[in-house]
All heavy atoms as atom14 arrays in JSON, in Angstrom:
{
  "sequence": "MLMLPIVIMSILIWFWTPETPKTGETNTILGSLEVLKYKNSWVLS",
  "atom14_mask": [
    [1, 1, 1, 1, 1, 1, 1, 1, 0, 0, 0, 0, 0, 0],
    [1, 1, 1, 1, 1, 1, 1, 1, 0, 0, 0, 0, 0, 0],
    [1, 1, 1, 1, 1, 1, 1, 1, 0, 0, 0, 0, 0, 0],
    [1, 1, 1, 1, 1, 1, 1, 1, 0, 0, 0, 0, 0, 0],
    [1, 1, 1, 1, 1, 1, 1, 0, 0, 0, 0, 0, 0, 0],
    [1, 1, 1, 1, 1, 1, 1, 1, 0, 0, 0, 0, 0, 0],
    [1, 1, 1, 1, 1, 1, 1, 0, 0, 0, 0, 0, 0, 0],
    [1, 1, 1, 1, 1, 1, 1, 1, 0, 0, 0, 0, 0, 0],
    [1, 1, 1, 1, 1, 1, 1, 1, 0, 0, 0, 0, 0, 0],
    [1, 1, 1, 1, 1, 1, 0, 0, 0, 0, 0, 0, 0, 0],
    [1, 1, 1, 1, 1, 1, 1, 1, 0, 0, 0, 0, 0, 0],
    [1, 1, 1, 1, 1, 1, 1, 1, 0, 0, 0, 0, 0, 0],
    [1, 1, 1, 1, 1, 1, 1, 1, 0, 0, 0, 0, 0, 0],
    [1, 1, 1, 1, 1, 1, 1, 1, 1, 1, 1, 1, 1, 1],
    [1, 1, 1, 1, 1, 1, 1, 1, 1, 1, 1, 0, 0, 0],
    [1, 1, 1, 1, 1, 1, 1, 1, 1, 1, 1, 1, 1, 1],
    [1, 1, 1, 1, 1, 1, 1, 0, 0, 0, 0, 0, 0, 0],
    [1, 1, 1, 1, 1, 1, 1, 0, 0, 0, 0, 0, 0, 0],
    [1, 1, 1, 1, 1, 1, 1, 1, 1, 0, 0, 0, 0, 0],
    [1, 1, 1, 1, 1, 1, 1, 0, 0, 0, 0, 0, 0, 0],
    [1, 1, 1, 1, 1, 1, 1, 0, 0, 0, 0, 0, 0, 0],
    [1, 1, 1, 1, 1, 1, 1, 1, 1, 0, 0, 0, 0, 0],
    [1, 1, 1, 1, 1, 1, 1, 0, 0, 0, 0, 0, 0, 0],
    [1, 1, 1, 1, 0, 0, 0, 0, 0, 0, 0, 0, 0, 0],
    [1, 1, 1, 1, 1, 1, 1, 1, 1, 0, 0, 0, 0, 0],
    [1, 1, 1, 1, 1, 1, 1, 0, 0, 0, 0, 0, 0, 0],
    [1, 1, 1, 1, 1, 1, 1, 1, 0, 0, 0, 0, 0, 0],
    [1, 1, 1, 1, 1, 1, 1, 0, 0, 0, 0, 0, 0, 0],
    [1, 1, 1, 1, 1, 1, 1, 1, 0, 0, 0, 0, 0, 0],
    [1, 1, 1, 1, 1, 1, 1, 1, 0, 0, 0, 0, 0, 0],
    [1, 1, 1, 1, 0, 0, 0, 0, 0, 0, 0, 0, 0, 0],
    [1, 1, 1, 1, 1, 1, 0, 0, 0, 0, 0, 0, 0, 0],
    [1, 1, 1, 1, 1, 1, 1, 1, 0, 0, 0, 0, 0, 0],
    [1, 1, 1, 1, 1, 1, 1, 1, 1, 0, 0, 0, 0, 0],
    [1, 1, 1, 1, 1, 1, 1, 0, 0, 0, 0, 0, 0, 0],
    [1, 1, 1, 1, 1, 1, 1, 1, 0, 0, 0, 0, 0, 0],
    [1, 1, 1, 1, 1, 1, 1, 1, 1, 0, 0, 0, 0, 0],
    [1, 1, 1, 1, 1, 1, 1, 1, 1, 1, 1, 1, 0, 0],
    [1, 1, 1, 1, 1, 1, 1, 1, 1, 0, 0, 0, 0, 0],
    [1, 1, 1, 1, 1, 1, 1, 1, 0, 0, 0, 0, 0, 0],
    [1, 1, 1, 1, 1, 1, 0, 0, 0, 0, 0, 0, 0, 0],
    [1, 1, 1, 1, 1, 1, 1, 1, 1, 1, 1, 1, 1, 1],
    [1, 1, 1, 1, 1, 1, 1, 0, 0, 0, 0, 0, 0, 0],
    [1, 1, 1, 1, 1, 1, 1, 1, 0, 0, 0, 0, 0, 0],
    [1, 1, 1, 1, 1, 1, 0, 0, 0, 0, 0, 0, 0, 0]
  ],
  "atom14_positions": [
    [[-35.77, -30.15, 11.27], [-35.62, -29.86, 12.71], [-35.55, -28.43, 13.08], [-35.94, -28.06, 14.2], [-34.28, -30.62, 13.07], [-33.78, -30.43, 14.51], [-32.02, -30.97, 14.67], [-31.17, -29.62, 14.01], [0.0, 0.0, 0.0], [0.0, 0.0, 0.0], [0.0, 0.0, 0.0], [0.0, 0.0, 0.0], [0.0, 0.0, 0.0], [0.0, 0.0, 0.0]],
    [[-35.04, -27.58, 12.19], [-34.95, -26.17, 12.44], [-36.26, -25.5, 12.49], [-36.35, -24.52, 13.14], [-34.06, -25.58, 11.27], [-32.59, -25.87, 11.27], [-31.9, -25.2, 10.1], [-31.98, -25.28, 12.54], [0.0, 0.0, 0.0], [0.0, 0.0, 0.0], [0.0, 0.0, 0.0], [0.0, 0.0, 0.0], [0.0, 0.0, 0.0], [0.0, 0.0, 0.0]],
    [[-37.34, -26.12, 11.96], [-38.61, -25.48, 11.87], [-39.31, -25.44, 13.36], [-39.91, -24.45, 13.6], [-39.57, -26.22, 10.91], [-39.16, -26.23, 9.45], [-40.32, -27.06, 8.49], [-39.29, -27.53, 7.05], [0.0, 0.0, 0.0], [0.0, 0.0, 0.0], [0.0, 0.0, 0.0], [0.0, 0.0, 0.0], [0.0, 0.0, 0.0], [0.0, 0.0, 0.0]],
    [[-39.02, -26.45, 14.11], [-39.7, -26.57, 15.41], [-39.4, -25.32, 16.22], [-40.39, -24.77, 16.76], [-39.26, -27.86, 16.15], [-39.86, -28.08, 17.5], [-41.41, -28.09, 17.32], [-39.36, -29.44, 18.01], [0.0, 0.0, 0.0], [0.0, 0.0, 0.0], [0.0, 0.0, 0.0], [0.0, 0.0, 0.0], [0.0, 0.0, 0.0], [0.0, 0.0, 0.0]],
    [[-38.13, -24.97, 16.49], [-37.86, -23.83, 17.39], [-38.39, -22.53, 16.73], [-38.83, -21.62, 17.52], [-36.39, -23.7, 17.64], [-35.82, -24.54, 16.47], [-36.91, -25.59, 16.17], [0.0, 0.0, 0.0], [0.0, 0.0, 0.0], [0.0, 0.0, 0.0], [0.0, 0.0, 0.0], [0.0, 0.0, 0.0], [0.0, 0.0, 0.0], [0.0, 0.0, 0.0]],
    [[-38.42, -22.45, 15.44], [-38.93, -21.21, 14.73], [-40.44, -21.16, 15.09], [-40.9, -19.96, 15.45], [-38.64, -21.31, 13.3], [-37.17, -21.25, 12.97], [-39.3, -20.16, 12.49], [-36.45, -19.97, 13.32], [0.0, 0.0, 0.0], [0.0, 0.0, 0.0], [0.0, 0.0, 0.0], [0.0, 0.0, 0.0], [0.0, 0.0, 0.0], [0.0, 0.0, 0.0]],
    [[-41.18, -22.1, 15.01], [-42.64, -22.1, 15.24], [-42.86, -21.79, 16.67], [-43.64, -20.96, 17.0], [-43.28, -23.55, 14.96], [-44.69, -23.52, 15.33], [-43.15, -23.83, 13.38], [0.0, 0.0, 0.0], [0.0, 0.0, 0.0], [0.0, 0.0, 0.0], [0.0, 0.0, 0.0], [0.0, 0.0, 0.0], [0.0, 0.0, 0.0], [0.0, 0.0, 0.0]],
    [[-42.14, -22.31, 17.58], [-42.28, -22.09, 18.95], [-41.96, -20.68, 19.31], [-42.8, -20.14, 20.01], [-41.36, -23.0, 19.87], [-41.78, -24.56, 19.71], [-41.33, -22.69, 21.31], [-40.89, -25.47, 20.34], [0.0, 0.0, 0.0], [0.0, 0.0, 0.0], [0.0, 0.0, 0.0], [0.0, 0.0, 0.0], [0.0, 0.0, 0.0], [0.0, 0.0, 0.0]],
    [[-40.97, -20.13, 18.75], [-40.59, -18.76, 19.09], [-41.61, -17.7, 18.57], [-41.97, -16.68, 19.05], [-39.15, -18.35, 18.52], [-38.05, -19.07, 19.32], [-38.2, -19.12, 21.06], [-38.35, -17.39, 21.46], [0.0, 0.0, 0.0], [0.0, 0.0, 0.0], [0.0, 0.0, 0.0], [0.0, 0.0, 0.0], [0.0, 0.0, 0.0], [0.0, 0.0, 0.0]],
    [[-42.23, -18.15, 17.35], [-43.22, -17.19, 16.73], [-44.5, -17.18, 17.64], [-45.05, -16.08, 17.84], [-43.64, -17.67, 15.32], [-44.26, -18.9, 15.34], [0.0, 0.0, 0.0], [0.0, 0.0, 0.0], [0.0, 0.0, 0.0], [0.0, 0.0, 0.0], [0.0, 0.0, 0.0], [0.0, 0.0, 0.0], [0.0, 0.0, 0.0], [0.0, 0.0, 0.0]],
    [[-44.84, -18.28, 18.29], [-45.99, -18.29, 19.15], [-45.69, -17.45, 20.44], [-46.51, -16.73, 20.91], [-46.29, -19.79, 19.54], [-46.78, -20.48, 18.21], [-47.3, -19.8, 20.64], [-47.06, -21.98, 18.54], [0.0, 0.0, 0.0], [0.0, 0.0, 0.0], [0.0, 0.0, 0.0], [0.0, 0.0, 0.0], [0.0, 0.0, 0.0], [0.0, 0.0, 0.0]],
    [[-44.4, -17.7, 21.0], [-44.1, -16.96, 22.16], [-44.0, -15.48, 21.95], [-44.43, -14.7, 22.77], [-42.7, -17.52, 22.69], [-42.77, -18.93, 23.21], [-41.3, -19.38, 23.65], [-43.65, -19.08, 24.38], [0.0, 0.0, 0.0], [0.0, 0.0, 0.0], [0.0, 0.0, 0.0], [0.0, 0.0, 0.0], [0.0, 0.0, 0.0], [0.0, 0.0, 0.0]],
    [[-43.45, -15.07, 20.83], [-43.3, -13.67, 20.53], [-44.81, -13.03, 20.43], [-45.0, -11.92, 20.88], [-42.53, -13.37, 19.21], [-41.08, -13.75, 19.38], [-42.61, -11.9, 18.84], [-40.25, -12.85, 20.44], [0.0, 0.0, 0.0], [0.0, 0.0, 0.0], [0.0, 0.0, 0.0], [0.0, 0.0, 0.0], [0.0, 0.0, 0.0], [0.0, 0.0, 0.0]],
    [[-45.62, -13.66, 19.67], [-47.03, -13.17, 19.51], [-47.79, -13.06, 20.7], [-48.48, -11.97, 21.0], [-47.69, -14.02, 18.42], [-49.0, -13.4, 18.08], [-50.28, -13.96, 18.45], [-49.34, -12.33, 17.26], [-51.24, -13.23, 18.05], [-50.79, -12.16, 17.21], [-48.58, -11.44, 16.69], [-51.3, -11.17, 16.55], [-49.13, -10.32, 15.9], [-50.55, -10.19, 15.92]],
    [[-47.73, -14.11, 21.58], [-48.65, -14.16, 22.69], [-48.0, -13.63, 24.02], [-48.74, -13.23, 24.92], [-49.11, -15.64, 22.98], [-50.07, -16.09, 21.98], [-49.65, -16.95, 20.9], [-51.37, -15.49, 21.91], [-50.66, -17.33, 19.92], [-52.27, -16.04, 21.0], [-51.92, -16.94, 19.97], [0.0, 0.0, 0.0], [0.0, 0.0, 0.0], [0.0, 0.0, 0.0]],
    [[-46.69, -13.48, 24.11], [-46.07, -13.19, 25.36], [-45.33, -11.9, 25.37], [-44.7, -11.49, 26.34], [-45.08, -14.29, 25.79], [-45.77, -15.51, 26.45], [-47.05, -15.82, 26.35], [-45.09, -16.34, 27.42], [-47.37, -16.83, 27.08], [-46.24, -17.24, 27.82], [-43.92, -16.52, 27.93], [-46.05, -18.23, 28.76], [-43.72, -17.54, 28.8], [-44.67, -18.46, 29.28]],
    [[-45.33, -11.07, 24.23], [-44.84, -9.72, 24.24], [-45.8, -8.75, 23.87], [-46.72, -9.06, 23.07], [-43.62, -9.7, 23.28], [-44.19, -9.84, 21.85], [-42.59, -10.8, 23.49], [0.0, 0.0, 0.0], [0.0, 0.0, 0.0], [0.0, 0.0, 0.0], [0.0, 0.0, 0.0], [0.0, 0.0, 0.0], [0.0, 0.0, 0.0], [0.0, 0.0, 0.0]],
    [[-45.66, -7.5, 24.28], [-46.69, -6.44, 23.97], [-46.24, -5.81, 22.79], [-45.12, -5.84, 22.39], [-46.53, -5.48, 25.16], [-45.15, -5.65, 25.55], [-44.76, -7.05, 25.37], [0.0, 0.0, 0.0], [0.0, 0.0, 0.0], [0.0, 0.0, 0.0], [0.0, 0.0, 0.0], [0.0, 0.0, 0.0], [0.0, 0.0, 0.0], [0.0, 0.0, 0.0]],
    [[-47.14, -5.09, 22.15], [-46.79, -4.41, 20.96], [-46.35, -2.99, 21.37], [-46.68, -2.46, 22.37], [-47.97, -4.17, 19.92], [-47.72, -3.6, 18.64], [-46.68, -4.47, 17.98], [-45.37, -4.06, 18.15], [-47.07, -5.38, 17.24], [0.0, 0.0, 0.0], [0.0, 0.0, 0.0], [0.0, 0.0, 0.0], [0.0, 0.0, 0.0], [0.0, 0.0, 0.0]],
    [[-45.35, -2.5, 20.71], [-44.81, -1.18, 20.99], [-45.87, -0.04, 20.68], [-46.47, -0.02, 19.58], [-43.49, -0.88, 20.11], [-42.65, -1.93, 20.17], [-43.02, 0.44, 20.54], [0.0, 0.0, 0.0], [0.0, 0.0, 0.0], [0.0, 0.0, 0.0], [0.0, 0.0, 0.0], [0.0, 0.0, 0.0], [0.0, 0.0, 0.0], [0.0, 0.0, 0.0]],
    [[-46.21, 0.77, 21.74], [-47.26, 1.75, 21.54], [-46.87, 2.76, 20.28], [-45.71, 3.0, 20.06], [-47.27, 2.49, 22.85], [-46.66, 1.48, 23.78], [-45.61, 0.79, 23.06], [0.0, 0.0, 0.0], [0.0, 0.0, 0.0], [0.0, 0.0, 0.0], [0.0, 0.0, 0.0], [0.0, 0.0, 0.0], [0.0, 0.0, 0.0], [0.0, 0.0, 0.0]],
    [[-47.88, 3.14, 19.72], [-47.69, 4.07, 18.62], [-47.18, 5.45, 19.16], [-47.5, 5.87, 20.21], [-49.07, 4.42, 17.87], [-49.54, 3.07, 17.14], [-48.68, 2.74, 15.97], [-49.27, 1.57, 15.23], [-48.55, 1.17, 14.12], [0.0, 0.0, 0.0], [0.0, 0.0, 0.0], [0.0, 0.0, 0.0], [0.0, 0.0, 0.0], [0.0, 0.0, 0.0]],
    [[-46.23, 6.01, 18.44], [-45.65, 7.37, 18.91], [-46.38, 8.63, 18.24], [-46.17, 9.7, 18.59], [-44.19, 7.47, 18.49], [-44.15, 7.37, 17.14], [-43.41, 6.28, 19.15], [0.0, 0.0, 0.0], [0.0, 0.0, 0.0], [0.0, 0.0, 0.0], [0.0, 0.0, 0.0], [0.0, 0.0, 0.0], [0.0, 0.0, 0.0], [0.0, 0.0, 0.0]],
    [[-47.29, 8.25, 17.28], [-47.9, 9.36, 16.67], [-47.23, 9.82, 15.39], [-47.87, 10.57, 14.6], [0.0, 0.0, 0.0], [0.0, 0.0, 0.0], [0.0, 0.0, 0.0], [0.0, 0.0, 0.0], [0.0, 0.0, 0.0], [0.0, 0.0, 0.0], [0.0, 0.0, 0.0], [0.0, 0.0, 0.0], [0.0, 0.0, 0.0], [0.0, 0.0, 0.0]],
    [[-46.13, 9.21, 15.13], [-45.51, 9.49, 13.94], [-45.84, 8.44, 12.79], [-45.78, 7.33, 13.1], [-43.9, 9.5, 14.14], [-43.41, 10.52, 15.27], [-42.03, 10.37, 15.56], [-41.39, 9.64, 14.85], [-41.53, 11.06, 16.43], [0.0, 0.0, 0.0], [0.0, 0.0, 0.0], [0.0, 0.0, 0.0], [0.0, 0.0, 0.0], [0.0, 0.0, 0.0]],
    [[-46.01, 8.92, 11.66], [-46.35, 8.09, 10.54], [-45.38, 8.26, 9.43], [-45.84, 8.63, 8.29], [-47.91, 8.3, 10.05], [-48.01, 9.72, 9.77], [-48.86, 8.01, 11.13], [0.0, 0.0, 0.0], [0.0, 0.0, 0.0], [0.0, 0.0, 0.0], [0.0, 0.0, 0.0], [0.0, 0.0, 0.0], [0.0, 0.0, 0.0], [0.0, 0.0, 0.0]],
    [[-44.11, 8.12, 9.61], [-43.09, 8.3, 8.58], [-43.26, 7.25, 7.49], [-43.54, 6.13, 7.8], [-41.69, 8.22, 9.34], [-40.77, 9.2, 8.51], [-41.16, 9.95, 7.6], [-39.51, 9.27, 8.97], [0.0, 0.0, 0.0], [0.0, 0.0, 0.0], [0.0, 0.0, 0.0], [0.0, 0.0, 0.0], [0.0, 0.0, 0.0], [0.0, 0.0, 0.0]],
    [[-42.98, 7.57, 6.39], [-42.93, 6.58, 5.13], [-41.52, 5.96, 5.16], [-40.6, 6.38, 5.86], [-43.17, 7.38, 3.82], [-42.19, 8.32, 3.62], [-44.62, 8.04, 3.93], [0.0, 0.0, 0.0], [0.0, 0.0, 0.0], [0.0, 0.0, 0.0], [0.0, 0.0, 0.0], [0.0, 0.0, 0.0], [0.0, 0.0, 0.0], [0.0, 0.0, 0.0]],
    [[-41.41, 4.87, 4.17], [-40.14, 4.25, 4.11], [-39.2, 5.21, 3.66], [-38.02, 5.31, 4.14], [-40.33, 3.05, 3.24], [-41.22, 2.02, 3.96], [-38.92, 2.43, 2.92], [-41.4, 0.75, 3.15], [0.0, 0.0, 0.0], [0.0, 0.0, 0.0], [0.0, 0.0, 0.0], [0.0, 0.0, 0.0], [0.0, 0.0, 0.0], [0.0, 0.0, 0.0]],
    [[-39.51, 6.02, 2.59], [-38.56, 7.03, 2.06], [-38.2, 8.06, 3.13], [-37.12, 8.46, 3.18], [-39.07, 7.59, 0.74], [-39.21, 6.82, -0.42], [-39.94, 7.49, -1.58], [-37.88, 6.21, -0.84], [0.0, 0.0, 0.0], [0.0, 0.0, 0.0], [0.0, 0.0, 0.0], [0.0, 0.0, 0.0], [0.0, 0.0, 0.0], [0.0, 0.0, 0.0]],
    [[-39.19, 8.36, 3.96], [-38.96, 9.28, 5.0], [-37.99, 8.86, 5.93], [-37.21, 9.55, 6.52], [0.0, 0.0, 0.0], [0.0, 0.0, 0.0], [0.0, 0.0, 0.0], [0.0, 0.0, 0.0], [0.0, 0.0, 0.0], [0.0, 0.0, 0.0], [0.0, 0.0, 0.0], [0.0, 0.0, 0.0], [0.0, 0.0, 0.0], [0.0, 0.0, 0.0]],
    [[-38.09, 7.49, 6.3], [-37.21, 6.86, 7.26], [-35.78, 6.87, 6.72], [-34.83, 6.97, 7.59], [-37.64, 5.44, 7.59], [-39.0, 5.47, 8.17], [0.0, 0.0, 0.0], [0.0, 0.0, 0.0], [0.0, 0.0, 0.0], [0.0, 0.0, 0.0], [0.0, 0.0, 0.0], [0.0, 0.0, 0.0], [0.0, 0.0, 0.0], [0.0, 0.0, 0.0]],
    [[-35.64, 6.73, 5.44], [-34.3, 6.64, 4.91], [-33.68, 8.02, 4.92], [-32.39, 8.05, 4.51], [-34.38, 6.02, 3.5], [-34.75, 4.62, 3.32], [-34.83, 4.15, 1.94], [-33.61, 3.8, 4.01], [0.0, 0.0, 0.0], [0.0, 0.0, 0.0], [0.0, 0.0, 0.0], [0.0, 0.0, 0.0], [0.0, 0.0, 0.0], [0.0, 0.0, 0.0]],
    [[-34.34, 9.01, 5.27], [-33.73, 10.33, 5.27], [-32.58, 10.4, 6.33], [-31.8, 11.39, 6.45], [-34.75, 11.45, 5.58], [-35.66, 11.76, 4.54], [-36.62, 12.87, 4.71], [-36.53, 13.37, 5.85], [-37.39, 13.21, 3.85], [0.0, 0.0, 0.0], [0.0, 0.0, 0.0], [0.0, 0.0, 0.0], [0.0, 0.0, 0.0], [0.0, 0.0, 0.0]],
    [[-32.62, 9.46, 7.31], [-31.53, 9.41, 8.29], [-30.13, 9.32, 7.6], [-29.05, 9.55, 8.17], [-31.59, 8.22, 9.3], [-32.88, 8.45, 10.15], [-31.65, 6.9, 8.64], [0.0, 0.0, 0.0], [0.0, 0.0, 0.0], [0.0, 0.0, 0.0], [0.0, 0.0, 0.0], [0.0, 0.0, 0.0], [0.0, 0.0, 0.0], [0.0, 0.0, 0.0]],
    [[-30.04, 8.85, 6.3], [-28.85, 8.75, 5.55], [-28.18, 10.03, 5.29], [-27.05, 10.1, 4.95], [-29.09, 8.0, 4.27], [-29.35, 6.4, 4.38], [-29.67, 5.85, 3.04], [-28.1, 5.74, 4.88], [0.0, 0.0, 0.0], [0.0, 0.0, 0.0], [0.0, 0.0, 0.0], [0.0, 0.0, 0.0], [0.0, 0.0, 0.0], [0.0, 0.0, 0.0]],
    [[-28.92, 11.2, 5.43], [-28.3, 12.4, 5.18], [-27.46, 12.93, 6.39], [-26.78, 13.84, 6.31], [-29.47, 13.56, 4.93], [-30.4, 13.77, 6.15], [-31.39, 14.82, 5.75], [-32.3, 15.11, 7.0], [-33.41, 16.05, 6.55], [0.0, 0.0, 0.0], [0.0, 0.0, 0.0], [0.0, 0.0, 0.0], [0.0, 0.0, 0.0], [0.0, 0.0, 0.0]],
    [[-27.5, 12.21, 7.57], [-26.73, 12.47, 8.71], [-25.41, 11.66, 8.72], [-25.44, 10.48, 8.38], [-27.53, 12.22, 9.93], [-28.78, 13.03, 10.11], [-30.06, 12.32, 9.94], [-28.75, 14.46, 10.27], [-31.18, 13.05, 10.06], [-29.87, 15.07, 10.35], [-31.2, 14.44, 10.34], [-32.37, 15.13, 10.37], [0.0, 0.0, 0.0], [0.0, 0.0, 0.0]],
    [[-24.34, 12.36, 8.85], [-22.97, 11.73, 8.92], [-22.84, 10.6, 9.83], [-22.23, 9.63, 9.68], [-21.89, 12.72, 9.05], [-21.88, 13.29, 10.46], [-20.76, 14.39, 10.54], [-20.8, 15.08, 12.0], [-19.82, 16.04, 12.11], [0.0, 0.0, 0.0], [0.0, 0.0, 0.0], [0.0, 0.0, 0.0], [0.0, 0.0, 0.0], [0.0, 0.0, 0.0]],
    [[-23.62, 10.73, 11.05], [-23.55, 9.66, 12.03], [-24.02, 8.35, 11.52], [-23.53, 7.23, 11.9], [-24.42, 10.05, 13.28], [-23.79, 11.09, 14.13], [-22.52, 11.06, 14.31], [-24.57, 11.96, 14.69], [0.0, 0.0, 0.0], [0.0, 0.0, 0.0], [0.0, 0.0, 0.0], [0.0, 0.0, 0.0], [0.0, 0.0, 0.0], [0.0, 0.0, 0.0]],
    [[-25.07, 8.34, 10.53], [-25.43, 7.1, 9.99], [-24.37, 6.36, 9.22], [-24.21, 5.09, 9.38], [-26.63, 7.31, 8.98], [-27.72, 7.87, 9.72], [0.0, 0.0, 0.0], [0.0, 0.0, 0.0], [0.0, 0.0, 0.0], [0.0, 0.0, 0.0], [0.0, 0.0, 0.0], [0.0, 0.0, 0.0], [0.0, 0.0, 0.0], [0.0, 0.0, 0.0]],
    [[-23.56, 7.13, 8.44], [-22.54, 6.57, 7.75], [-21.2, 6.17, 8.53], [-20.69, 5.11, 8.28], [-22.05, 7.68, 6.61], [-23.21, 7.86, 5.53], [-24.08, 8.98, 5.68], [-23.5, 7.17, 4.46], [-24.88, 8.84, 4.57], [-24.53, 7.74, 3.83], [-22.88, 6.0, 3.89], [-25.16, 7.24, 2.75], [-23.47, 5.52, 2.79], [-24.6, 6.1, 2.1]],
    [[-21.07, 6.96, 9.55], [-19.96, 6.71, 10.43], [-20.18, 5.3, 11.26], [-19.36, 4.45, 11.28], [-19.64, 7.75, 11.48], [-18.6, 7.31, 12.43], [-19.12, 9.02, 10.75], [0.0, 0.0, 0.0], [0.0, 0.0, 0.0], [0.0, 0.0, 0.0], [0.0, 0.0, 0.0], [0.0, 0.0, 0.0], [0.0, 0.0, 0.0], [0.0, 0.0, 0.0]],
    [[-21.46, 5.26, 11.83], [-21.83, 4.02, 12.47], [-21.75, 2.86, 11.56], [-21.34, 1.68, 11.96], [-23.12, 4.17, 13.19], [-23.16, 5.15, 14.33], [-24.55, 5.22, 14.83], [-22.22, 4.84, 15.42], [0.0, 0.0, 0.0], [0.0, 0.0, 0.0], [0.0, 0.0, 0.0], [0.0, 0.0, 0.0], [0.0, 0.0, 0.0], [0.0, 0.0, 0.0]],
    [[-22.32, 2.98, 10.28], [-22.26, 1.92, 9.33], [-20.8, 1.47, 9.07], [-20.49, 0.21, 8.98], [-22.89, 2.4, 8.01], [-24.28, 2.56, 8.31], [0.0, 0.0, 0.0], [0.0, 0.0, 0.0], [0.0, 0.0, 0.0], [0.0, 0.0, 0.0], [0.0, 0.0, 0.0], [0.0, 0.0, 0.0], [0.0, 0.0, 0.0], [0.0, 0.0, 0.0]]
  ]
}
């Protein structure tokens, strides 16, 4: 029973939402994790 709404929502998300435009930044996963060097990341966590 849980599969039905999951399938429906995947179809709606794919066909009824736009993709976020590229910002020109191509940061790697390790690069993205550099936010951990900021104290705000730890405080918010």
